[in-house]
């Protein structure tokens, strides 16, 4: 069992920045692939970014160049740094993890993850 707790959401003006943090329980964090996805009302879930066990990162085209994902295995934490935020980035953001080591190529989607957090709201508006 893995528990994920997100923090750092909030409200920001367009063009602003926010950082989301996710802390994981369990002693095997170092071998988990991690990711973020988001969902807003009336829209499908959208994968945002992954950071793999080996540190490889992958991003959705919609956030590439604006978002950065990183991990700190000692602190069992994943951080999503979001810059140049747009109103269309408004959503509930979820941290998630895949714990079975499946050889998933490309950007991991919601169906690839085994555990996810409760989500944190990000609102971008003027």
C-alpha atoms as a PDB file:
ATOM      1  CA  UNK A   1       0.000   0.000   0.000  1.00  0.00           C
ATOM      2  CA  UNK A   2       1.291   3.451  -0.921  1.00  0.00           C
ATOM      3  CA  UNK A   3      -0.164   6.726   0.236  1.00  0.00           C
ATOM      4  CA  UNK A   4       0.391   9.949  -1.663  1.00  0.00           C
ATOM      5  CA  UNK A   5      -0.299  13.394  -0.253  1.00  0.00           C
ATOM      6  CA  UNK A   6      -0.269  16.472  -2.485  1.00  0.00           C
ATOM      7  CA  UNK A   7       0.157  20.069  -1.402  1.00  0.00           C
ATOM      8  CA  UNK A   8       0.811  23.464  -2.927  1.00  0.00           C
ATOM      9  CA  UNK A   9      -2.287  24.148  -4.969  1.00  0.00           C
ATOM     10  CA  UNK A  10      -4.030  27.489  -4.982  1.00  0.00           C
ATOM     11  CA  UNK A  11      -5.047  30.455  -7.065  1.00  0.00           C
ATOM     12  CA  UNK A  12      -2.709  32.373  -9.351  1.00  0.00           C
ATOM     13  CA  UNK A  13      -2.958  35.017 -12.076  1.00  0.00           C
ATOM     14  CA  UNK A  14      -2.313  33.995 -15.686  1.00  0.00           C
ATOM     15  CA  UNK A  15       1.409  34.015 -16.275  1.00  0.00           C
ATOM     16  CA  UNK A  16       2.133  33.168 -12.658  1.00  0.00           C
ATOM     17  CA  UNK A  17       3.812  30.157 -11.105  1.00  0.00           C
ATOM     18  CA  UNK A  18       2.988  27.458  -8.579  1.00  0.00           C
ATOM     19  CA  UNK A  19       4.792  24.420  -7.236  1.00  0.00           C
ATOM     20  CA  UNK A  20       2.980  21.252  -6.278  1.00  0.00           C
ATOM     21  CA  UNK A  21       4.552  18.735  -3.968  1.00  0.00           C
ATOM     22  CA  UNK A  22       3.716  15.075  -3.426  1.00  0.00           C
ATOM     23  CA  UNK A  23       5.041  13.021  -0.538  1.00  0.00           C
ATOM     24  CA  UNK A  24       4.835   9.234  -0.612  1.00  0.00           C
ATOM     25  CA  UNK A  25       4.683   6.709   2.179  1.00  0.00           C
ATOM     26  CA  UNK A  26       6.422   3.366   2.028  1.00  0.00           C
ATOM     27  CA  UNK A  27      10.070   2.376   1.948  1.00  0.00           C
ATOM     28  CA  UNK A  28      10.367   1.561  -1.759  1.00  0.00           C
ATOM     29  CA  UNK A  29       9.806   5.002  -3.242  1.00  0.00           C
ATOM     30  CA  UNK A  30      13.135   4.863  -5.010  1.00  0.00           C
ATOM     31  CA  UNK A  31      11.834   2.160  -7.346  1.00  0.00           C
ATOM     32  CA  UNK A  32       8.493   3.739  -8.212  1.00  0.00           C
ATOM     33  CA  UNK A  33       7.686   5.610 -11.373  1.00  0.00           C
ATOM     34  CA  UNK A  34       5.809   8.797 -10.484  1.00  0.00           C
ATOM     35  CA  UNK A  35       3.511  11.096 -12.372  1.00  0.00           C
ATOM     36  CA  UNK A  36       1.010  13.920 -12.280  1.00  0.00           C
ATOM     37  CA  UNK A  37      -2.308  14.108 -14.049  1.00  0.00           C
ATOM     38  CA  UNK A  38      -5.132  16.614 -13.898  1.00  0.00           C
ATOM     39  CA  UNK A  39      -8.851  16.802 -14.343  1.00  0.00           C
ATOM     40  CA  UNK A  40     -11.206  19.723 -14.726  1.00  0.00           C
ATOM     41  CA  UNK A  41     -15.025  19.689 -14.923  1.00  0.00           C
ATOM     42  CA  UNK A  42     -16.323  18.501 -18.252  1.00  0.00           C
ATOM     43  CA  UNK A  43     -12.911  17.416 -19.493  1.00  0.00           C
ATOM     44  CA  UNK A  44     -11.131  14.102 -19.639  1.00  0.00           C
ATOM     45  CA  UNK A  45      -8.280  13.333 -17.345  1.00  0.00           C
ATOM     46  CA  UNK A  46      -5.031  14.544 -18.819  1.00  0.00           C
ATOM     47  CA  UNK A  47      -1.608  13.231 -17.979  1.00  0.00           C
ATOM     48  CA  UNK A  48       0.751  16.091 -17.330  1.00  0.00           C
ATOM     49  CA  UNK A  49       4.219  14.808 -16.489  1.00  0.00           C
ATOM     50  CA  UNK A  50       6.115  11.700 -15.407  1.00  0.00           C
ATOM     51  CA  UNK A  51       9.422  11.165 -13.679  1.00  0.00           C
ATOM     52  CA  UNK A  52      10.686   7.615 -13.898  1.00  0.00           C
ATOM     53  CA  UNK A  53      12.841   5.662 -11.501  1.00  0.00           C
ATOM     54  CA  UNK A  54      15.912   6.500 -13.586  1.00  0.00           C
ATOM     55  CA  UNK A  55      15.054  10.200 -13.579  1.00  0.00           C
ATOM     56  CA  UNK A  56      13.718  10.349 -17.132  1.00  0.00           C
ATOM     57  CA  UNK A  57      10.991  12.943 -17.490  1.00  0.00           C
ATOM     58  CA  UNK A  58       8.127  13.112 -19.985  1.00  0.00           C
ATOM     59  CA  UNK A  59       5.617  15.892 -20.499  1.00  0.00           C
ATOM     60  CA  UNK A  60       2.319  16.450 -22.224  1.00  0.00           C
ATOM     61  CA  UNK A  61       2.641  18.761 -25.220  1.00  0.00           C
ATOM     62  CA  UNK A  62       0.285  21.214 -23.516  1.00  0.00           C
ATOM     63  CA  UNK A  63       2.758  21.857 -20.677  1.00  0.00           C
ATOM     64  CA  UNK A  64       6.112  21.230 -22.322  1.00  0.00           C
ATOM     65  CA  UNK A  65       8.493  24.101 -21.706  1.00  0.00           C
ATOM     66  CA  UNK A  66       6.360  25.476 -18.872  1.00  0.00           C
ATOM     67  CA  UNK A  67       6.224  22.648 -16.314  1.00  0.00           C
ATOM     68  CA  UNK A  68       9.124  20.803 -14.714  1.00  0.00           C
ATOM     69  CA  UNK A  69       8.845  17.599 -12.709  1.00  0.00           C
ATOM     70  CA  UNK A  70      11.539  16.387 -10.333  1.00  0.00           C
ATOM     71  CA  UNK A  71      11.963  13.875  -7.555  1.00  0.00           C
ATOM     72  CA  UNK A  72      13.930  13.605  -4.339  1.00  0.00           C
ATOM     73  CA  UNK A  73      14.228   9.953  -3.371  1.00  0.00           C
ATOM     74  CA  UNK A  74      15.670  10.732   0.062  1.00  0.00           C
ATOM     75  CA  UNK A  75      12.616  12.817   0.913  1.00  0.00           C
ATOM     76  CA  UNK A  76      10.200  10.542  -1.028  1.00  0.00           C
ATOM     77  CA  UNK A  77       8.913  13.651  -2.750  1.00  0.00           C
ATOM     78  CA  UNK A  78       7.940  14.616  -6.271  1.00  0.00           C
ATOM     79  CA  UNK A  79       7.615  18.279  -7.227  1.00  0.00           C
ATOM     80  CA  UNK A  80       5.775  19.768 -10.194  1.00  0.00           C
ATOM     81  CA  UNK A  81       6.948  23.298 -10.904  1.00  0.00           C
ATOM     82  CA  UNK A  82       4.444  25.153 -13.075  1.00  0.00           C
ATOM     83  CA  UNK A  83       5.417  28.397 -14.801  1.00  0.00           C
ATOM     84  CA  UNK A  84       3.612  30.660 -17.262  1.00  0.00           C
ATOM     85  CA  UNK A  85       0.298  29.292 -16.073  1.00  0.00           C
ATOM     86  CA  UNK A  86      -2.756  29.687 -18.292  1.00  0.00           C
ATOM     87  CA  UNK A  87      -6.475  29.615 -17.470  1.00  0.00           C
ATOM     88  CA  UNK A  88      -6.699  26.262 -19.243  1.00  0.00           C
ATOM     89  CA  UNK A  89      -4.308  24.809 -16.640  1.00  0.00           C
ATOM     90  CA  UNK A  90      -7.087  25.157 -14.071  1.00  0.00           C
ATOM     91  CA  UNK A  91      -7.816  21.678 -12.728  1.00  0.00           C
ATOM     92  CA  UNK A  92      -7.456  19.336  -9.802  1.00  0.00           C
ATOM     93  CA  UNK A  93      -3.942  17.925  -9.967  1.00  0.00           C
ATOM     94  CA  UNK A  94      -3.240  14.396  -8.790  1.00  0.00           C
ATOM     95  CA  UNK A  95       0.042  12.739  -7.945  1.00  0.00           C
ATOM     96  CA  UNK A  96       0.216   9.070  -8.888  1.00  0.00           C
ATOM     97  CA  UNK A  97       2.569   6.130  -8.894  1.00  0.00           C
ATOM     98  CA  UNK A  98       3.138   2.835 -10.696  1.00  0.00           C
ATOM     99  CA  UNK A  99       4.655   0.278  -8.346  1.00  0.00           C
ATOM    100  CA  UNK A 100       4.913  -2.923 -10.376  1.00  0.00           C
ATOM    101  CA  UNK A 101       7.664  -1.893 -12.736  1.00  0.00           C
ATOM    102  CA  UNK A 102       5.621  -2.403 -15.879  1.00  0.00           C
ATOM    103  CA  UNK A 103       7.554  -1.387 -19.021  1.00  0.00           C
ATOM    104  CA  UNK A 104       5.226   1.461 -19.986  1.00  0.00           C
ATOM    105  CA  UNK A 105       6.438   3.595 -22.862  1.00  0.00           C
ATOM    106  CA  UNK A 106       5.905   7.297 -23.210  1.00  0.00           C
ATOM    107  CA  UNK A 107       3.707   9.459 -21.009  1.00  0.00           C
ATOM    108  CA  UNK A 108       1.957   7.340 -18.405  1.00  0.00           C
ATOM    109  CA  UNK A 109      -1.796   7.765 -18.172  1.00  0.00           C
ATOM    110  CA  UNK A 110      -4.268   7.351 -15.338  1.00  0.00           C
ATOM    111  CA  UNK A 111      -4.828   3.705 -16.225  1.00  0.00           C
ATOM    112  CA  UNK A 112      -1.113   2.966 -15.821  1.00  0.00           C
ATOM    113  CA  UNK A 113      -0.980   4.081 -12.212  1.00  0.00           C
ATOM    114  CA  UNK A 114      -1.636   1.926  -9.161  1.00  0.00           C
ATOM    115  CA  UNK A 115      -2.082   4.593  -6.505  1.00  0.00           C
ATOM    116  CA  UNK A 116      -2.941   8.277  -6.517  1.00  0.00           C
ATOM    117  CA  UNK A 117      -3.479  11.054  -4.032  1.00  0.00           C
ATOM    118  CA  UNK A 118      -6.543  13.052  -3.104  1.00  0.00           C
ATOM    119  CA  UNK A 119      -5.713  15.889  -5.476  1.00  0.00           C
ATOM    120  CA  UNK A 120      -5.023  19.579  -5.070  1.00  0.00           C
ATOM    121  CA  UNK A 121      -6.897  22.390  -6.811  1.00  0.00           C
ATOM    122  CA  UNK A 122      -5.065  24.794  -9.106  1.00  0.00           C
ATOM    123  CA  UNK A 123      -7.004  27.821 -10.338  1.00  0.00           C
ATOM    124  CA  UNK A 124      -5.580  30.240 -12.890  1.00  0.00           C
ATOM    125  CA  UNK A 125      -7.670  33.328 -13.443  1.00  0.00           C
ATOM    126  CA  UNK A 126      -7.533  37.070 -13.384  1.00  0.00           C
END
